[in-house]
Amino acid sequence: MRVVVALGGNALLRRGQRPSAEVQRENVRLAAKALAPVAQQQQLVISHGNGPQVGLLALQAAAYSGVAPYPLDVLGAETEGMIGYMIEQELGNLVPPDVPFATILTMVEVDPADPAFSHPSKPIGPGYPEKEAKRLAAERGWTVRRDGSLWRRVVPSPRPRRIFEIRPVKWLLERGTIVVCAGGGGIPTMFEPGTNVLVGAEVVVDKDRASALLAAELGADVLVMATDADGVYLDWGTPAARRVERTTPDELSRHSFEEGSMGPKVEAACEFVRVRHGRAAIGALEDVAAMVDGTAGTQVIP
């Protein structure tokens, strides 16, 4: 089978952890252990989040006044390389040495007319106390929003329209390569209105939506979204909370889910199943292999 696994932020940096290289590598090492059984049995494509990493690079750039801060598309490309390197190395230590890997810097097209440009919603970077977040927003022109007990910078998150590197990804898969791509939703790019000139966009594409598009364009059989919950829950946070074990897009669409948490994953799973007529699964990172087998997480079927 051809499988796309989208690693949630917990695979790289858990809430409250310091974004050091050592902490991130240890988290990637744990993710690699979960991915290794799948890598040895299926055609595997890996995507991942990068919100904390992009935010950290933006802060580092802002601390140096000698040049203007780098734009988000460039920071996204940097994090794709860094995270892909860690995944390649840690997963490569667990599979046979002759298995090839490739990390692809993946440009994703967005529409400059997307209404999301006027409504920043995607959190990036670390969390701050409210007073500090609002001070930084005033100094740097940020938009900030509460995220749990802290506040974070938010940026526009337009829908992905096209993955430019889909052909080399297919070529690599057909030759037995484990591919890491579309990290952080891909490098956001757009055509200047009325031209064929491709430029970067100061946005972040949602990783789950980009992964659903990636899986559909690759003709994947299964899309797995690994997060820090063991599935999708109805009435989350109440005594009546219950996990959905097997469902369809139509059934899920009857319920609402938190926009900044499970909502994008549910939407992405439903979109992939409707477009590709494949199977999607949402659940815990440690259950990735079982989710691929259809025995864990929330399974979304046609």
Protein backbone atom coordinates (compact mmCIF):
# COMPACT_ATOMS: atom_id res chain seq x y z
CA MET A 1 0.00 0.00 0.00
CA ARG A 2 0.95 3.62 -0.45
CA VAL A 3 0.69 5.40 2.91
CA VAL A 4 1.02 9.07 3.84
CA VAL A 5 1.70 9.75 7.53
CA ALA A 6 1.31 13.33 8.76
CA LEU A 7 3.24 13.81 12.00
CA GLY A 8 1.61 16.26 14.38
CA GLY A 9 3.50 18.79 16.44
CA ASN A 10 3.89 16.29 19.29
CA ALA A 11 6.25 14.29 17.08
CA LEU A 12 8.78 17.10 17.22
CA LEU A 13 7.98 19.36 20.14
CA ARG A 14 5.43 18.78 22.87
CA ARG A 15 3.59 21.65 24.49
CA GLY A 16 5.79 23.35 27.07
CA GLN A 17 9.07 21.79 25.88
CA ARG A 18 12.07 23.96 25.06
CA PRO A 19 12.70 24.01 21.29
CA SER A 20 16.31 22.82 21.56
CA ALA A 21 17.90 20.59 18.94
CA GLU A 22 18.37 17.84 21.56
CA VAL A 23 14.70 17.84 22.58
CA GLN A 24 13.49 17.77 18.98
CA ARG A 25 15.86 14.98 18.02
CA GLU A 26 14.69 12.83 20.92
CA ASN A 27 11.07 13.36 19.87
CA VAL A 28 11.91 12.48 16.27
CA ARG A 29 13.65 9.34 17.54
CA LEU A 30 10.40 8.29 19.25
CA ALA A 31 8.44 9.03 16.07
CA ALA A 32 10.88 6.95 14.05
CA LYS A 33 10.23 3.93 16.27
CA ALA A 34 6.53 4.21 15.47
CA LEU A 35 7.16 4.67 11.75
CA ALA A 36 9.74 1.90 11.28
CA PRO A 37 7.26 -1.02 11.01
CA VAL A 38 5.28 0.87 8.36
CA ALA A 39 8.43 1.85 6.46
CA GLN A 40 9.45 -1.80 6.13
CA GLN A 41 6.07 -2.98 4.82
CA GLN A 42 4.52 -0.13 2.80
CA GLN A 43 5.39 2.68 0.41
CA LEU A 44 5.79 5.52 2.91
CA VAL A 45 5.54 9.29 2.58
CA ILE A 46 6.02 11.44 5.70
CA SER A 47 4.82 14.99 6.24
CA HIS A 48 5.19 16.96 9.46
CA GLY A 49 4.36 20.14 11.33
CA ASN A 50 6.81 23.01 11.78
CA GLY A 51 4.98 25.79 13.64
CA PRO A 52 7.32 25.99 16.66
CA GLN A 53 10.41 25.71 14.46
CA VAL A 54 9.33 28.51 12.10
CA GLY A 55 8.49 30.67 15.10
CA LEU A 56 11.89 30.05 16.66
CA LEU A 57 13.72 30.96 13.46
CA ALA A 58 11.62 34.12 13.16
CA LEU A 59 12.58 35.13 16.70
CA GLN A 60 16.25 34.44 16.03
CA ALA A 61 16.12 36.57 12.89
CA ALA A 62 14.35 39.39 14.71
CA ALA A 63 17.11 39.45 17.31
CA TYR A 64 19.63 40.52 14.63
CA SER A 65 18.98 44.03 13.40
CA GLY A 66 21.58 43.97 10.62
CA VAL A 67 19.13 42.60 8.03
CA ALA A 68 15.37 42.45 7.64
CA PRO A 69 13.74 39.28 9.07
CA TYR A 70 13.48 36.43 6.58
CA PRO A 71 9.96 35.81 5.21
CA LEU A 72 7.88 32.80 6.23
CA ASP A 73 8.35 30.94 2.94
CA VAL A 74 12.14 30.98 3.40
CA LEU A 75 11.82 29.94 7.04
CA GLY A 76 9.52 27.12 5.96
CA ALA A 77 12.14 25.88 3.50
CA GLU A 78 14.79 25.96 6.24
CA THR A 79 12.66 23.92 8.63
CA GLU A 80 11.78 21.37 5.94
CA GLY A 81 15.48 20.69 5.51
CA MET A 82 16.24 20.55 9.24
CA ILE A 83 13.32 18.30 10.20
CA GLY A 84 13.70 16.10 7.13
CA TYR A 85 17.35 15.55 8.04
CA MET A 86 16.42 14.42 11.55
CA ILE A 87 13.68 12.08 10.31
CA GLU A 88 15.94 10.57 7.65
CA GLN A 89 18.72 9.92 10.15
CA GLU A 90 16.65 8.55 13.02
CA LEU A 91 14.38 6.39 10.83
CA GLY A 92 17.40 5.32 8.78
CA ASN A 93 18.95 3.92 11.95
CA LEU A 94 15.97 1.55 12.32
CA VAL A 95 15.44 0.18 8.80
CA PRO A 96 17.79 -1.84 6.58
CA PRO A 97 20.76 0.26 5.45
CA ASP A 98 19.97 -0.13 1.75
CA VAL A 99 16.58 1.62 2.06
CA PRO A 100 16.85 5.02 0.28
CA PHE A 101 15.52 8.27 1.75
CA ALA A 102 14.83 11.69 0.23
CA THR A 103 13.61 14.95 1.70
CA ILE A 104 11.95 17.16 -0.91
CA LEU A 105 11.66 20.92 -0.49
CA THR A 106 8.01 21.15 -1.44
CA MET A 107 6.40 24.31 -2.80
CA VAL A 108 2.63 24.53 -2.36
CA GLU A 109 0.52 27.01 -4.30
CA VAL A 110 -2.02 29.25 -2.54
CA ASP A 111 -4.47 31.74 -4.02
CA PRO A 112 -3.71 35.40 -3.24
CA ALA A 113 -7.49 36.02 -3.37
CA ASP A 114 -8.16 33.44 -0.62
CA PRO A 115 -10.19 35.17 2.15
CA ALA A 116 -7.86 33.61 4.73
CA PHE A 117 -5.36 36.40 3.97
CA SER A 118 -7.70 38.78 5.80
CA HIS A 119 -8.24 36.48 8.80
CA PRO A 120 -4.98 35.27 10.42
CA SER A 121 -5.66 32.03 12.28
CA LYS A 122 -2.62 29.72 12.20
CA PRO A 123 -0.48 29.80 15.38
CA ILE A 124 3.30 29.76 14.99
CA GLY A 125 6.16 30.10 17.42
CA PRO A 126 6.23 29.80 21.22
CA GLY A 127 3.52 30.80 23.68
CA TYR A 128 3.72 33.99 25.73
CA PRO A 129 1.89 35.48 28.71
CA GLU A 130 -0.81 37.86 27.50
CA LYS A 131 1.03 41.08 28.40
CA GLU A 132 4.24 40.03 26.64
CA ALA A 133 2.37 38.76 23.58
CA LYS A 134 0.56 42.06 23.15
CA ARG A 135 3.80 44.00 23.58
CA LEU A 136 5.47 41.92 20.85
CA ALA A 137 2.43 42.35 18.63
CA ALA A 138 2.66 46.12 18.96
CA GLU A 139 6.42 46.15 18.32
CA ARG A 140 6.47 43.74 15.36
CA GLY A 141 3.08 44.15 13.75
CA TRP A 142 1.94 40.67 14.72
CA THR A 143 -1.56 39.37 15.22
CA VAL A 144 -1.76 37.34 18.46
CA ARG A 145 -4.42 35.05 19.86
CA ARG A 146 -4.96 32.96 22.98
CA ASP A 147 -3.80 29.35 22.64
CA GLY A 148 -4.63 27.46 25.82
CA SER A 149 -3.24 29.33 28.81
CA LEU A 150 -0.79 31.36 26.69
CA TRP A 151 -0.87 33.62 23.63
CA ARG A 152 0.80 32.99 20.25
CA ARG A 153 1.38 34.78 16.99
CA VAL A 154 -1.13 33.84 14.27
CA VAL A 155 -0.73 34.22 10.50
CA PRO A 156 -3.04 33.60 7.51
CA SER A 157 -3.61 29.98 6.50
CA PRO A 158 -5.03 29.79 2.95
CA ARG A 159 -6.03 26.48 1.43
CA PRO A 160 -3.42 24.58 -0.61
CA ARG A 161 -4.20 24.40 -4.33
CA ARG A 162 -1.31 22.48 -5.87
CA ILE A 163 1.89 20.67 -4.88
CA PHE A 164 4.54 21.54 -7.42
CA GLU A 165 6.94 18.66 -6.70
CA ILE A 166 4.35 15.87 -6.94
CA ARG A 167 6.06 14.28 -10.00
CA PRO A 168 9.50 13.76 -8.39
CA VAL A 169 7.79 12.43 -5.25
CA LYS A 170 5.95 9.81 -7.35
CA TRP A 171 9.17 8.94 -9.19
CA LEU A 172 10.99 8.35 -5.90
CA LEU A 173 8.19 6.21 -4.46
CA GLU A 174 8.16 4.00 -7.53
CA ARG A 175 11.84 3.29 -6.84
CA GLY A 176 11.39 2.27 -3.22
CA THR A 177 12.35 5.57 -1.58
CA ILE A 178 10.95 6.77 1.74
CA VAL A 179 10.02 10.39 1.04
CA VAL A 180 9.73 13.27 3.50
CA CYS A 181 7.85 16.17 1.91
CA ALA A 182 5.25 18.94 2.34
CA GLY A 183 6.68 19.67 5.78
CA GLY A 184 4.74 22.33 7.67
CA GLY A 185 2.14 22.32 4.92
CA GLY A 186 4.79 23.01 2.30
CA ILE A 187 6.59 26.20 1.32
CA PRO A 188 3.80 28.72 0.64
CA THR A 189 3.98 30.23 -2.83
CA MET A 190 1.63 32.08 -5.17
CA PHE A 191 1.58 33.57 -8.63
CA GLU A 192 1.61 37.33 -8.78
CA PRO A 193 -1.83 38.39 -10.07
CA GLY A 194 -1.99 38.36 -13.85
CA THR A 195 1.48 36.83 -14.30
CA ASN A 196 3.33 33.51 -14.32
CA VAL A 197 5.80 34.80 -11.71
CA LEU A 198 5.91 32.53 -8.65
CA VAL A 199 6.74 34.24 -5.35
CA GLY A 200 6.71 33.36 -1.67
CA ALA A 201 3.68 34.10 0.51
CA GLU A 202 3.74 35.36 4.10
CA VAL A 203 1.41 32.62 5.31
CA VAL A 204 1.46 29.09 6.70
CA VAL A 205 -0.46 26.33 4.94
CA ASP A 206 -2.21 23.94 7.31
CA LYS A 207 -0.20 20.73 7.47
CA ASP A 208 -3.22 18.43 7.60
CA ARG A 209 -4.92 20.03 4.59
CA ALA A 210 -1.67 19.89 2.62
CA SER A 211 -1.20 16.24 3.63
CA ALA A 212 -4.71 15.39 2.41
CA LEU A 213 -3.95 17.05 -0.94
CA LEU A 214 -0.60 15.26 -1.09
CA ALA A 215 -2.21 11.87 -0.35
CA ALA A 216 -4.93 12.41 -2.96
CA GLU A 217 -2.48 13.51 -5.69
CA LEU A 218 -0.23 10.53 -4.93
CA GLY A 219 -3.14 8.10 -5.12
CA ALA A 220 -2.43 6.95 -1.56
CA ASP A 221 -4.43 4.12 -0.07
CA VAL A 222 -4.24 5.40 3.51
CA LEU A 223 -3.74 8.82 5.12
CA VAL A 224 -2.73 8.73 8.78
CA MET A 225 -2.68 11.85 10.96
CA ALA A 226 -0.68 11.22 14.11
CA THR A 227 -1.40 13.46 17.06
CA ASP A 228 -1.36 13.39 20.88
CA ALA A 229 -4.87 11.90 21.20
CA ASP A 230 -5.85 8.30 20.51
CA GLY A 231 -8.66 9.33 18.19
CA VAL A 232 -11.47 11.77 17.55
CA TYR A 233 -13.81 12.33 20.48
CA LEU A 234 -17.38 13.55 20.57
CA ASP A 235 -18.32 15.82 23.49
CA TRP A 236 -14.61 16.27 24.27
CA GLY A 237 -13.94 17.68 27.74
CA THR A 238 -17.23 16.48 29.21
CA PRO A 239 -18.17 13.36 31.21
CA ALA A 240 -19.96 12.12 28.08
CA ALA A 241 -16.77 12.16 25.95
CA ARG A 242 -16.47 9.10 23.74
CA ARG A 243 -14.07 8.10 21.00
CA VAL A 244 -15.28 7.58 17.45
CA GLU A 245 -13.79 4.29 16.27
CA ARG A 246 -15.17 3.92 12.74
CA THR A 247 -17.08 6.52 10.79
CA THR A 248 -17.70 8.18 7.43
CA PRO A 249 -17.27 11.77 6.23
CA ASP A 250 -21.04 12.28 6.25
CA GLU A 251 -21.30 11.13 9.85
CA LEU A 252 -18.41 13.34 11.00
CA SER A 253 -19.84 16.37 9.22
CA ARG A 254 -22.81 16.31 11.59
CA HIS A 255 -20.50 17.34 14.45
CA SER A 256 -18.28 20.35 15.11
CA PHE A 257 -14.65 20.17 16.23
CA GLU A 258 -12.26 22.78 17.58
CA GLU A 259 -10.75 24.85 14.77
CA GLY A 260 -7.27 25.04 16.27
CA SER A 261 -7.04 21.39 17.27
CA MET A 262 -9.00 18.44 15.87
CA GLY A 263 -11.05 20.43 13.36
CA PRO A 264 -8.45 20.60 10.54
CA LYS A 265 -7.60 16.91 10.95
CA VAL A 266 -11.24 15.86 10.68
CA GLU A 267 -11.73 18.13 7.68
CA ALA A 268 -8.59 16.78 5.98
CA ALA A 269 -9.55 13.16 6.64
CA CYS A 270 -13.03 13.69 5.21
CA GLU A 271 -11.71 15.50 2.15
CA PHE A 272 -9.20 12.75 1.36
CA VAL A 273 -11.79 9.98 1.74
CA ARG A 274 -14.30 11.81 -0.45
CA VAL A 275 -11.78 12.65 -3.19
CA ARG A 276 -9.66 9.51 -3.21
CA HIS A 277 -12.18 6.98 -1.78
CA GLY A 278 -9.33 5.71 0.37
CA ARG A 279 -9.14 5.37 4.13
CA ALA A 280 -8.01 7.95 6.68
CA ALA A 281 -7.09 7.48 10.33
CA ILE A 282 -6.54 9.92 13.20
CA GLY A 283 -4.88 8.82 16.42
CA ALA A 284 -1.83 8.58 18.63
CA LEU A 285 1.70 8.56 17.26
CA GLU A 286 2.56 5.28 18.95
CA ASP A 287 -0.40 3.63 17.17
CA VAL A 288 0.69 4.54 13.63
CA ALA A 289 1.26 0.94 12.50
CA ALA A 290 -2.07 -0.20 13.95
CA MET A 291 -3.85 2.75 12.32
CA VAL A 292 -2.41 1.71 8.96
CA ASP A 293 -3.76 -1.80 9.64
CA GLY A 294 -7.16 -0.31 10.53
CA THR A 295 -7.17 -1.45 14.17
CA ALA A 296 -6.52 1.78 16.10
CA GLY A 297 -7.48 5.45 16.17
CA THR A 298 -10.52 6.86 14.45
CA GLN A 299 -10.94 5.18 11.07
CA VAL A 300 -12.70 7.24 8.39
CA ILE A 301 -13.97 5.13 5.49
CA PRO A 302 -15.93 5.88 2.28
